[in-house]
N, C-alpha and C. Protein backbone atom coordinates (compact mmCIF):
# COMPACT_ATOMS: atom_id res chain seq x y z
N UNK A 1 45.55 4.49 -28.59
CA UNK A 1 46.35 5.51 -29.37
C UNK A 1 46.18 6.22 -29.94
N UNK A 2 44.76 5.77 -30.72
CA UNK A 2 44.05 6.55 -31.82
C UNK A 2 43.46 7.71 -31.31
N UNK A 3 42.55 7.25 -30.20
CA UNK A 3 41.69 8.24 -29.21
C UNK A 3 42.71 9.42 -28.74
N UNK A 4 43.74 9.26 -28.08
CA UNK A 4 44.69 10.57 -27.66
C UNK A 4 45.26 11.35 -28.88
N UNK A 5 45.21 10.52 -29.90
CA UNK A 5 45.63 11.57 -31.13
C UNK A 5 44.15 12.47 -31.20
N UNK A 6 42.98 11.68 -31.26
CA UNK A 6 42.51 12.40 -31.89
C UNK A 6 41.52 13.30 -30.79
N UNK A 7 42.19 12.99 -29.74
CA UNK A 7 41.55 14.24 -28.23
C UNK A 7 42.65 15.25 -28.26
N UNK A 8 44.04 15.48 -28.95
CA UNK A 8 45.01 16.00 -29.18
C UNK A 8 44.07 16.84 -29.84
N UNK A 9 43.55 16.57 -30.92
CA UNK A 9 43.73 17.32 -32.12
C UNK A 9 42.35 17.90 -31.93
N UNK A 10 41.32 17.66 -31.37
CA UNK A 10 40.27 18.44 -30.71
C UNK A 10 40.50 19.56 -29.79
N UNK A 11 41.55 19.16 -28.69
CA UNK A 11 41.60 19.83 -27.72
C UNK A 11 42.67 20.73 -27.93
N UNK A 12 43.84 20.95 -28.85
CA UNK A 12 44.62 21.42 -28.90
C UNK A 12 44.62 22.88 -29.44
N UNK A 13 44.15 23.32 -30.14
CA UNK A 13 43.66 24.37 -30.41
C UNK A 13 43.48 25.39 -29.86
N UNK A 14 42.12 24.60 -29.03
CA UNK A 14 41.49 25.05 -27.67
C UNK A 14 42.65 25.51 -26.46
N UNK A 15 43.66 24.72 -26.31
CA UNK A 15 44.19 25.18 -25.40
C UNK A 15 45.76 26.22 -25.56
N UNK A 16 45.63 25.98 -26.57
CA UNK A 16 45.99 27.34 -27.64
C UNK A 16 45.20 28.25 -27.35
N UNK A 17 44.33 28.40 -27.69
CA UNK A 17 43.72 29.39 -27.44
C UNK A 17 43.24 30.28 -26.55
N UNK A 18 42.95 29.29 -24.95
CA UNK A 18 43.49 29.85 -24.11
C UNK A 18 44.78 30.74 -23.62
N UNK A 19 45.85 29.56 -23.64
CA UNK A 19 47.06 30.45 -23.00
C UNK A 19 47.74 31.68 -24.30
N UNK A 20 46.79 31.72 -25.22
CA UNK A 20 47.28 33.13 -26.03
C UNK A 20 46.46 33.82 -25.30
N UNK A 21 45.21 33.81 -24.68
CA UNK A 21 44.56 34.54 -24.47
C UNK A 21 45.29 35.42 -22.82
N UNK A 22 45.76 34.01 -22.13
CA UNK A 22 46.20 33.99 -21.20
C UNK A 22 47.18 35.38 -20.79
N UNK A 23 48.01 34.83 -21.83
CA UNK A 23 49.40 35.69 -22.36
C UNK A 23 49.47 36.98 -23.00
N UNK A 24 48.06 37.18 -23.55
CA UNK A 24 47.77 38.35 -24.36
C UNK A 24 46.89 38.73 -24.47
N UNK A 25 45.86 39.27 -23.56
CA UNK A 25 44.40 39.66 -23.28
C UNK A 25 44.19 41.01 -24.27
N UNK A 26 45.76 41.68 -24.17
CA UNK A 26 44.94 43.40 -25.06
C UNK A 26 44.73 42.60 -27.11
N UNK A 27 45.78 42.34 -26.78
CA UNK A 27 45.31 41.89 -28.51
C UNK A 27 43.93 40.88 -28.84
N UNK A 28 43.36 40.41 -27.92
CA UNK A 28 42.27 39.35 -27.77
C UNK A 28 41.22 40.81 -27.80
N UNK A 29 40.88 41.56 -27.14
CA UNK A 29 40.66 42.51 -26.85
C UNK A 29 40.78 42.99 -27.81
N UNK A 30 41.87 43.35 -28.37
CA UNK A 30 41.30 44.28 -29.67
C UNK A 30 40.49 43.58 -30.86
N UNK A 31 41.14 42.39 -30.82
CA UNK A 31 40.33 41.67 -32.07
C UNK A 31 38.81 41.50 -32.16
N UNK A 32 38.22 41.18 -30.44
CA UNK A 32 37.09 41.15 -30.72
C UNK A 32 36.44 42.10 -29.47
N UNK A 33 37.08 43.44 -30.08
CA UNK A 33 36.06 44.34 -29.38
C UNK A 33 34.78 44.70 -29.29
N UNK A 34 33.88 43.93 -30.75
CA UNK A 34 32.46 44.27 -31.25
C UNK A 34 31.66 43.16 -30.01
N UNK A 35 32.53 42.31 -29.30
CA UNK A 35 31.77 41.83 -28.17
C UNK A 35 32.27 40.06 -28.52
N UNK A 36 32.16 39.69 -26.90
CA UNK A 36 33.01 38.70 -26.83
C UNK A 36 31.92 37.03 -26.96
N UNK A 37 30.81 37.02 -27.27
CA UNK A 37 30.36 36.49 -28.01
C UNK A 37 30.29 35.50 -28.99
N UNK A 38 31.32 36.54 -29.94
CA UNK A 38 32.11 35.95 -31.03
C UNK A 38 33.06 34.91 -30.85
N UNK A 39 34.06 35.31 -29.71
CA UNK A 39 34.91 34.91 -29.38
C UNK A 39 35.19 33.38 -28.89
N UNK A 40 33.80 33.32 -28.47
CA UNK A 40 33.45 32.07 -27.21
C UNK A 40 32.66 30.84 -28.49
N UNK A 41 32.26 31.65 -29.45
CA UNK A 41 31.66 31.00 -30.72
C UNK A 41 32.78 30.64 -30.91
N UNK A 42 33.52 31.57 -31.58
CA UNK A 42 34.53 30.54 -32.28
C UNK A 42 35.63 29.92 -31.73
N UNK A 43 35.66 29.51 -30.27
CA UNK A 43 36.67 28.67 -29.48
C UNK A 43 35.84 27.45 -29.78
N UNK A 44 34.70 27.49 -29.64
CA UNK A 44 33.60 25.95 -29.69
C UNK A 44 33.56 25.39 -31.07
N UNK A 45 33.55 26.70 -31.87
CA UNK A 45 33.51 25.66 -33.05
C UNK A 45 34.18 25.54 -34.21
N UNK A 46 34.84 26.47 -34.44
CA UNK A 46 35.66 26.93 -35.26
C UNK A 46 37.49 27.38 -34.67
N UNK A 47 38.16 26.63 -33.92
CA UNK A 47 39.34 26.96 -32.65
C UNK A 47 40.33 27.53 -33.82
N UNK A 48 40.47 26.28 -35.43
CA UNK A 48 41.85 27.30 -36.41
C UNK A 48 41.27 28.63 -36.60
N UNK A 49 40.63 28.83 -37.02
CA UNK A 49 39.60 30.15 -37.62
C UNK A 49 40.41 30.56 -36.51
N UNK A 50 39.63 30.85 -35.41
CA UNK A 50 39.75 31.68 -34.38
C UNK A 50 41.30 32.82 -34.96
N UNK A 51 41.81 31.41 -34.05
CA UNK A 51 43.96 31.38 -34.24
C UNK A 51 43.95 31.98 -35.31
N UNK A 52 43.87 31.81 -36.18
CA UNK A 52 44.47 32.38 -37.58
C UNK A 52 44.04 34.07 -37.21
N UNK A 53 42.82 34.07 -37.39
CA UNK A 53 41.97 35.33 -37.12
C UNK A 53 42.40 36.33 -36.31
N UNK A 54 42.57 35.85 -34.83
CA UNK A 54 43.07 36.33 -33.49
C UNK A 54 45.23 36.96 -34.27
N UNK A 55 45.40 36.31 -35.11
CA UNK A 55 46.66 36.11 -35.83
C UNK A 55 46.72 37.33 -36.53
N UNK A 56 45.94 37.28 -37.89
CA UNK A 56 45.58 38.43 -38.64
C UNK A 56 45.30 39.54 -38.26
N UNK A 57 44.33 39.71 -37.94
CA UNK A 57 43.29 41.64 -37.34
C UNK A 57 44.03 42.07 -37.10
N UNK A 58 44.98 41.86 -36.26
CA UNK A 58 45.25 43.35 -35.41
C UNK A 58 46.80 44.00 -36.89
N UNK A 59 47.25 43.11 -37.62
CA UNK A 59 48.12 43.62 -38.85
C UNK A 59 47.10 44.20 -39.60
N UNK A 60 45.57 43.91 -39.70
CA UNK A 60 44.99 44.52 -40.65
C UNK A 60 44.97 43.56 -41.88
N UNK A 61 45.45 42.69 -41.69
CA UNK A 61 45.46 41.27 -42.63
C UNK A 61 44.69 40.39 -43.20
N UNK A 62 43.17 41.22 -43.30
CA UNK A 62 42.03 40.21 -43.09
C UNK A 62 41.77 40.08 -44.67
N UNK A 63 42.21 40.89 -45.04
CA UNK A 63 42.03 40.51 -46.70
C UNK A 63 43.21 39.82 -47.93
N UNK A 64 43.05 39.85 -48.59
CA UNK A 64 44.27 39.10 -49.77
C UNK A 64 45.18 37.93 -49.51
N UNK A 65 46.17 37.77 -49.53
CA UNK A 65 46.86 36.65 -48.54
C UNK A 65 46.42 36.53 -47.01
N UNK A 66 45.84 37.43 -45.99
CA UNK A 66 45.30 37.24 -44.58
C UNK A 66 43.86 36.04 -45.10
N UNK A 67 43.48 36.79 -45.92
CA UNK A 67 42.25 35.94 -46.68
C UNK A 67 42.14 34.08 -46.84
N UNK A 68 43.74 34.06 -47.74
CA UNK A 68 43.67 32.55 -48.30
C UNK A 68 44.51 31.79 -46.66
N UNK A 69 44.89 32.80 -45.65
CA UNK A 69 45.71 32.21 -44.14
C UNK A 69 44.13 31.31 -43.67
N UNK A 70 43.11 32.52 -43.55
CA UNK A 70 41.94 31.59 -42.60
C UNK A 70 40.98 30.64 -43.98
N UNK A 71 41.25 30.67 -44.94
CA UNK A 71 40.40 29.34 -45.72
C UNK A 71 41.56 28.17 -45.73
N UNK A 72 42.16 28.53 -45.72
CA UNK A 72 43.35 27.10 -45.09
C UNK A 72 43.17 26.70 -43.71
N UNK A 73 42.64 27.60 -42.51
CA UNK A 73 42.09 27.19 -41.51
C UNK A 73 40.93 26.42 -41.56
N UNK A 74 40.02 27.32 -42.30
CA UNK A 74 38.49 26.44 -42.29
C UNK A 74 39.05 24.71 -43.14
N UNK A 75 39.95 25.26 -44.26
CA UNK A 75 39.94 23.54 -44.53
C UNK A 75 40.62 22.51 -44.06
N UNK A 76 41.49 23.11 -42.76
CA UNK A 76 42.38 22.59 -41.50
C UNK A 76 41.22 21.64 -40.67
N UNK A 77 40.08 22.51 -40.38
CA UNK A 77 38.78 22.19 -39.77
C UNK A 77 38.33 21.00 -40.23
N UNK A 78 37.78 21.35 -41.41
CA UNK A 78 36.90 20.13 -42.48
C UNK A 78 37.71 19.00 -42.65
N UNK A 79 38.90 18.83 -42.76
CA UNK A 79 39.39 17.56 -42.32
C UNK A 79 39.59 16.59 -41.40
N UNK A 80 39.44 17.49 -40.07
CA UNK A 80 39.84 17.30 -39.05
C UNK A 80 38.35 16.47 -38.40
N UNK A 81 37.05 17.46 -39.01
CA UNK A 81 35.78 16.18 -38.42
C UNK A 81 35.78 15.30 -38.76
N UNK A 82 34.95 14.08 -38.17
CA UNK A 82 35.03 13.28 -38.79
C UNK A 82 33.95 12.85 -39.83
N UNK A 83 34.42 12.17 -40.23
CA UNK A 83 33.53 11.63 -41.60
C UNK A 83 32.24 10.15 -41.06
N UNK A 84 31.57 10.67 -41.98
CA UNK A 84 30.25 9.35 -42.24
C UNK A 84 30.40 8.18 -42.61
N UNK A 85 30.33 7.43 -41.72
CA UNK A 85 31.08 6.05 -42.57
C UNK A 85 29.53 4.50 -42.84
N UNK A 86 28.63 6.03 -42.93
CA UNK A 86 27.00 4.99 -43.36
C UNK A 86 27.14 5.31 -45.04
N UNK A 87 27.16 3.86 -46.20
CA UNK A 87 27.16 4.18 -46.92
C UNK A 87 25.05 4.52 -47.24
N UNK A 88 25.29 5.11 -48.04
CA UNK A 88 23.56 5.66 -47.98
C UNK A 88 22.88 5.22 -49.29
N UNK A 89 24.01 4.78 -50.02
CA UNK A 89 23.47 3.80 -51.75
C UNK A 89 22.77 2.33 -50.69
N UNK A 90 23.31 1.77 -50.02
CA UNK A 90 23.34 0.40 -49.32
C UNK A 90 21.37 0.26 -49.16
N UNK A 91 21.26 1.35 -48.73
CA UNK A 91 20.08 1.40 -48.64
C UNK A 91 18.48 2.14 -49.20
N UNK A 92 17.70 0.86 -49.11
CA UNK A 92 16.68 1.51 -50.07
C UNK A 92 15.69 2.67 -49.90
N UNK A 93 15.97 2.79 -50.78
CA UNK A 93 14.27 3.94 -50.63
C UNK A 93 13.27 3.84 -51.00
N UNK A 94 12.48 5.07 -50.95
CA UNK A 94 11.02 5.02 -51.18
C UNK A 94 10.83 4.82 -52.30
N UNK A 95 11.36 5.71 -53.73
CA UNK A 95 11.33 5.10 -54.81
C UNK A 95 11.51 4.19 -55.36
N UNK A 96 12.09 2.50 -55.09
CA UNK A 96 12.23 1.84 -54.99
C UNK A 96 11.64 0.61 -54.63
N UNK A 97 10.99 0.69 -53.64
CA UNK A 97 9.64 -0.01 -52.67
C UNK A 97 8.48 0.02 -53.59
């Protein structure tokens, strides 16, 4: 069950991006008029931030309160990334050898 939840967290925003792009391609073309490589990188590495940016950019709200939404999307992404379970303090360093 845990794997299903993790898979949903990883794939969910990407599915939303695909469907939103299929149903509203003009918004995506307007937001990423400078080039599609940025949209593809957002899809791969920052899907939550990409969704929020596409939501806010056509409204001209990428500053002020809109910037707060973008930062919140980055925080959500950071909390969803797996944390390392390795305790580095238990390993000897070259200074203690």
